[in-house]
């Protein structure tokens, strides 16, 4: 007989499991998220990476929580405690909270402890950097789409623990960007501005301590001057009208440059110019 493995033949007293016990054992072997889900979900409500009825969810309603592949671990608290941050989706969360959030776990003494749900806070496109010998930082690209405006930012997810041991999350932004193509058919600049950021991508560690690097789609002084004088070709499909002192920067006419962001000052400079000042 071929060896099928513990996921298929689990024996108690030499006899294989059957029925619900067999199904649960098979599900646990196939889905490594089950131990995480079990910290806030009854076993009967777990299937795959989903809890159909999460315990003590904030709305008080019957809410599902589906864990997502994006997750990050590090010493994100000031006391050096290790946290695991796992994205989730939930049918109870509206568009305003991006239809989900993050589940926070604390990893201590070989165990994983559930520390709460954080609706609206999702760790996407993140990197972990050392703040000091005791603590790490979680830096992410954030994003939210509303009425055709795609707002994004480079921000640190800041974790704090209060006297009741509850862990809270807030965002500390370094750079923000907004792409309005979905709302107007083109990005729009104010002719009095000297620099406008439209989009962010490819976050990575920077060339120095307390720095990160990111690709930024932007309009610099020259781009804005061109838009506001001779102008770029008018986009084929435009929604609404320009306001006084505004001009179009259609898709494909923005510049894309890799910038370095200083996390101490929030100053962003092109990577080619970093260190020359």
Protein backbone atom coordinates (compact mmCIF):
# COMPACT_ATOMS: atom_id res chain seq x y z
CA UNK A 1 0.00 0.00 0.00
CA UNK A 2 1.30 3.46 -0.86
CA UNK A 3 1.91 5.84 2.02
CA UNK A 4 -0.91 8.38 1.90
CA UNK A 5 0.27 10.56 4.76
CA UNK A 6 -1.11 11.83 8.02
CA UNK A 7 -3.62 14.06 6.26
CA UNK A 8 -5.37 11.00 4.80
CA UNK A 9 -4.89 8.31 7.48
CA UNK A 10 -4.86 9.69 10.99
CA UNK A 11 -5.08 6.96 13.55
CA UNK A 12 -6.34 6.97 17.08
CA UNK A 13 -5.54 3.68 18.75
CA UNK A 14 -4.51 2.28 15.41
CA UNK A 15 -7.84 3.03 13.69
CA UNK A 16 -8.26 5.60 10.90
CA UNK A 17 -10.40 8.67 11.52
CA UNK A 18 -13.74 8.91 9.79
CA UNK A 19 -16.63 11.33 9.40
CA UNK A 20 -16.25 14.89 10.79
CA UNK A 21 -12.89 14.15 12.44
CA UNK A 22 -11.47 12.94 9.13
CA UNK A 23 -12.80 16.04 7.31
CA UNK A 24 -11.32 18.38 9.91
CA UNK A 25 -7.93 16.68 9.82
CA UNK A 26 -7.86 16.81 6.03
CA UNK A 27 -8.85 20.50 6.04
CA UNK A 28 -6.14 21.39 8.57
CA UNK A 29 -3.47 19.65 6.51
CA UNK A 30 -4.63 21.33 3.30
CA UNK A 31 -5.05 24.82 4.81
CA UNK A 32 -2.30 26.12 7.08
CA UNK A 33 -4.54 29.06 8.02
CA UNK A 34 -6.70 26.84 10.19
CA UNK A 35 -4.57 27.31 13.36
CA UNK A 36 -4.83 31.10 12.92
CA UNK A 37 -8.58 30.98 12.33
CA UNK A 38 -9.03 28.77 15.37
CA UNK A 39 -7.88 31.62 17.63
CA UNK A 40 -11.08 33.58 16.89
CA UNK A 41 -13.43 31.09 15.20
CA UNK A 42 -15.26 27.94 16.31
CA UNK A 43 -14.01 24.82 14.53
CA UNK A 44 -17.40 24.12 12.93
CA UNK A 45 -17.29 27.53 11.22
CA UNK A 46 -13.85 27.08 9.61
CA UNK A 47 -13.46 26.01 6.00
CA UNK A 48 -10.24 26.59 4.13
CA UNK A 49 -9.03 30.14 4.85
CA UNK A 50 -12.50 31.36 5.84
CA UNK A 51 -14.34 31.69 9.15
CA UNK A 52 -18.06 31.95 8.39
CA UNK A 53 -18.85 33.44 11.81
CA UNK A 54 -16.02 35.32 13.47
CA UNK A 55 -16.23 35.64 17.25
CA UNK A 56 -16.64 39.12 18.74
CA UNK A 57 -16.58 40.96 15.44
CA UNK A 58 -17.03 44.69 15.93
CA UNK A 59 -20.48 45.00 14.29
CA UNK A 60 -21.97 42.34 16.54
CA UNK A 61 -23.48 40.69 13.48
CA UNK A 62 -22.70 37.31 11.95
CA UNK A 63 -19.63 38.21 9.95
CA UNK A 64 -17.29 36.15 7.82
CA UNK A 65 -13.53 36.65 7.79
CA UNK A 66 -11.46 35.29 4.91
CA UNK A 67 -7.70 35.44 5.42
CA UNK A 68 -5.67 36.67 2.45
CA UNK A 69 -2.14 35.68 1.36
CA UNK A 70 -0.67 39.08 2.28
CA UNK A 71 0.87 38.93 5.76
CA UNK A 72 3.85 40.42 7.57
CA UNK A 73 5.65 39.56 10.79
CA UNK A 74 8.01 41.69 12.85
CA UNK A 75 8.74 43.35 16.18
CA UNK A 76 6.29 46.15 15.53
CA UNK A 77 5.57 47.13 19.16
CA UNK A 78 7.82 49.39 21.19
CA UNK A 79 8.40 46.64 23.75
CA UNK A 80 9.82 44.37 21.04
CA UNK A 81 6.84 42.00 20.90
CA UNK A 82 6.46 40.10 17.62
CA UNK A 83 3.23 40.65 15.69
CA UNK A 84 1.77 38.84 12.69
CA UNK A 85 -0.43 41.04 10.50
CA UNK A 86 -2.75 39.15 8.13
CA UNK A 87 -5.10 40.80 5.62
CA UNK A 88 -8.72 39.67 5.47
CA UNK A 89 -11.91 40.23 3.51
CA UNK A 90 -15.36 40.37 5.08
CA UNK A 91 -18.88 40.74 3.73
CA UNK A 92 -19.63 42.95 6.75
CA UNK A 93 -17.16 45.62 5.66
CA UNK A 94 -18.24 48.37 3.22
CA UNK A 95 -16.31 50.03 0.43
CA UNK A 96 -15.18 52.71 2.88
CA UNK A 97 -13.04 50.12 4.69
CA UNK A 98 -11.89 48.39 1.47
CA UNK A 99 -14.19 45.43 2.23
CA UNK A 100 -11.90 44.11 4.95
CA UNK A 101 -8.90 44.88 7.08
CA UNK A 102 -6.15 43.13 9.02
CA UNK A 103 -6.20 40.57 11.81
CA UNK A 104 -3.50 41.14 14.41
CA UNK A 105 -1.81 38.21 16.15
CA UNK A 106 0.93 38.24 18.77
CA UNK A 107 3.55 35.53 18.57
CA UNK A 108 5.02 34.66 21.96
CA UNK A 109 6.65 31.58 23.49
CA UNK A 110 5.83 29.45 20.46
CA UNK A 111 2.11 30.33 20.51
CA UNK A 112 0.00 32.62 18.34
CA UNK A 113 -2.47 34.81 20.25
CA UNK A 114 -5.38 36.65 18.61
CA UNK A 115 -5.18 40.40 19.35
CA UNK A 116 -8.08 41.79 17.35
CA UNK A 117 -9.51 42.93 14.03
CA UNK A 118 -8.50 46.21 12.39
CA UNK A 119 -11.13 46.99 9.70
CA UNK A 120 -9.89 49.26 6.95
CA UNK A 121 -6.20 48.70 7.68
CA UNK A 122 -4.67 46.35 5.12
CA UNK A 123 -0.98 45.57 4.77
CA UNK A 124 -0.43 45.58 1.00
CA UNK A 125 2.87 46.12 -0.81
CA UNK A 126 4.82 46.42 2.44
CA UNK A 127 8.40 46.08 3.57
CA UNK A 128 9.81 45.57 7.06
CA UNK A 129 12.71 47.75 8.20
CA UNK A 130 14.62 47.90 11.46
CA UNK A 131 13.82 50.98 13.54
CA UNK A 132 16.46 50.04 16.11
CA UNK A 133 17.86 46.90 17.73
CA UNK A 134 14.57 46.26 19.53
CA UNK A 135 11.84 47.32 17.10
CA UNK A 136 10.88 46.98 13.42
CA UNK A 137 8.83 49.24 11.16
CA UNK A 138 6.14 48.17 8.67
CA UNK A 139 6.07 50.55 5.69
CA UNK A 140 3.35 50.07 3.07
CA UNK A 141 1.74 51.53 -0.03
CA UNK A 142 -1.86 52.32 0.87
CA UNK A 143 -4.71 52.72 -1.58
CA UNK A 144 -8.40 53.61 -1.75
CA UNK A 145 -10.64 54.13 -4.79
CA UNK A 146 -13.63 56.41 -4.44
CA UNK A 147 -15.71 58.04 -7.21
CA UNK A 148 -12.94 57.50 -9.75
CA UNK A 149 -10.20 58.97 -7.55
CA UNK A 150 -7.43 56.51 -6.66
CA UNK A 151 -5.76 57.83 -3.52
CA UNK A 152 -2.49 56.21 -2.47
CA UNK A 153 0.32 56.85 -0.07
CA UNK A 154 3.52 55.56 1.46
CA UNK A 155 2.80 55.17 5.16
CA UNK A 156 4.01 53.42 8.28
CA UNK A 157 1.56 51.18 10.10
CA UNK A 158 2.09 52.23 13.72
CA UNK A 159 1.12 49.68 16.37
CA UNK A 160 0.46 50.65 20.00
CA UNK A 161 -0.76 48.68 23.01
CA UNK A 162 -2.95 50.30 25.68
CA UNK A 163 -3.39 49.40 29.35
CA UNK A 164 -6.08 46.82 28.49
CA UNK A 165 -3.57 45.01 26.22
CA UNK A 166 -5.57 46.05 23.14
CA UNK A 167 -3.42 46.69 20.07
CA UNK A 168 -4.39 49.66 17.91
CA UNK A 169 -3.14 50.65 14.46
CA UNK A 170 -2.71 54.08 12.89
CA UNK A 171 -1.08 55.34 9.70
CA UNK A 172 1.77 57.83 9.55
CA UNK A 173 2.01 59.14 5.98
CA UNK A 174 5.25 60.20 4.30
CA UNK A 175 3.98 60.75 0.73
CA UNK A 176 0.50 60.91 -0.81
CA UNK A 177 -0.65 60.65 -4.43
CA UNK A 178 -3.94 60.86 -6.32
CA UNK A 179 -4.88 59.62 -9.78
CA UNK A 180 -8.09 61.20 -11.07
CA UNK A 181 -8.17 59.51 -14.49
CA UNK A 182 -11.16 57.39 -13.48
CA UNK A 183 -13.10 60.52 -12.52
CA UNK A 184 -12.19 62.95 -15.32
CA UNK A 185 -10.57 60.84 -18.05
CA UNK A 186 -7.24 62.55 -17.32
CA UNK A 187 -5.22 63.82 -14.43
CA UNK A 188 -5.54 67.52 -13.75
CA UNK A 189 -2.95 69.95 -12.35
CA UNK A 190 -3.19 73.42 -10.89
CA UNK A 191 -0.88 75.68 -12.86
CA UNK A 192 0.42 77.26 -9.64
CA UNK A 193 1.82 73.92 -8.45
CA UNK A 194 5.41 72.84 -9.02
CA UNK A 195 5.02 69.09 -8.41
CA UNK A 196 2.08 66.66 -8.30
CA UNK A 197 2.14 62.93 -7.52
CA UNK A 198 -0.33 60.67 -9.31
CA UNK A 199 0.66 57.11 -8.38
CA UNK A 200 3.05 54.95 -6.36
CA UNK A 201 4.54 51.50 -7.06
CA UNK A 202 7.40 49.10 -6.30
CA UNK A 203 8.19 50.01 -2.72
CA UNK A 204 11.61 48.84 -1.55
CA UNK A 205 14.39 49.51 0.91
CA UNK A 206 16.24 52.77 0.28
CA UNK A 207 19.98 53.36 -0.16
CA UNK A 208 20.45 54.59 3.42
CA UNK A 209 19.18 54.03 6.93
CA UNK A 210 15.60 55.20 7.54
CA UNK A 211 14.90 55.50 3.81
CA UNK A 212 12.66 53.71 1.33
CA UNK A 213 12.55 53.85 -2.47
CA UNK A 214 9.39 53.95 -4.58
CA UNK A 215 8.41 54.57 -8.21
CA UNK A 216 6.29 57.73 -8.49
CA UNK A 217 4.17 58.74 -11.48
CA UNK A 218 4.23 62.53 -11.31
CA UNK A 219 4.14 65.90 -13.01
CA UNK A 220 7.22 68.01 -12.31
CA UNK A 221 7.66 71.73 -12.94
CA UNK A 222 8.42 71.23 -16.66
CA UNK A 223 5.42 68.93 -17.16
CA UNK A 224 3.07 71.39 -15.45
CA UNK A 225 4.49 74.28 -17.46
CA UNK A 226 3.90 72.39 -20.71
CA UNK A 227 0.37 71.46 -19.68
CA UNK A 228 -0.44 75.05 -18.78
CA UNK A 229 1.08 76.73 -21.88
CA UNK A 230 1.03 74.85 -25.18
CA UNK A 231 -0.81 71.96 -23.56
CA UNK A 232 -0.85 68.21 -24.20
CA UNK A 233 -3.16 66.54 -26.74
CA UNK A 234 -6.70 66.65 -25.40
CA UNK A 235 -7.81 63.24 -24.08
CA UNK A 236 -10.41 61.48 -26.23
CA UNK A 237 -12.90 61.16 -23.41
CA UNK A 238 -13.22 63.86 -20.78
CA UNK A 239 -15.71 64.17 -17.94
CA UNK A 240 -16.49 67.62 -16.58
CA UNK A 241 -14.79 70.94 -17.23
CA UNK A 242 -11.49 72.43 -16.14
CA UNK A 243 -11.53 75.03 -13.42
CA UNK A 244 -9.67 78.37 -13.67
CA UNK A 245 -5.91 77.83 -13.74
CA UNK A 246 -6.14 74.08 -14.34
CA UNK A 247 -4.73 71.91 -17.15
CA UNK A 248 -4.84 68.28 -18.28
CA UNK A 249 -1.95 65.83 -17.97
CA UNK A 250 -3.36 62.88 -19.95
CA UNK A 251 -2.26 59.27 -19.35
CA UNK A 252 1.19 58.67 -20.83
CA UNK A 253 2.37 62.24 -20.37
CA UNK A 254 3.27 61.97 -16.70
CA UNK A 255 6.85 61.18 -15.70
CA UNK A 256 7.82 58.02 -13.85
CA UNK A 257 10.83 58.32 -11.58
CA UNK A 258 12.22 56.32 -8.69
CA UNK A 259 12.32 58.46 -5.56
CA UNK A 260 13.99 58.02 -2.18
CA UNK A 261 11.91 59.02 0.85
CA UNK A 262 13.60 60.03 4.09
CA UNK A 263 11.46 58.54 6.87
CA UNK A 264 12.73 61.11 9.36
CA UNK A 265 11.80 64.21 7.35
CA UNK A 266 9.24 62.78 4.83
CA UNK A 267 11.25 64.48 2.09
CA UNK A 268 11.24 62.71 -1.30
CA UNK A 269 13.99 63.24 -3.88
CA UNK A 270 14.77 61.46 -7.16
CA UNK A 271 17.06 58.50 -6.52
CA UNK A 272 19.65 59.94 -8.91
CA UNK A 273 19.91 63.05 -6.72
CA UNK A 274 19.96 61.30 -3.34
CA UNK A 275 23.10 62.03 -1.35
CA UNK A 276 24.17 65.00 -3.49
CA UNK A 277 22.76 67.59 -1.12
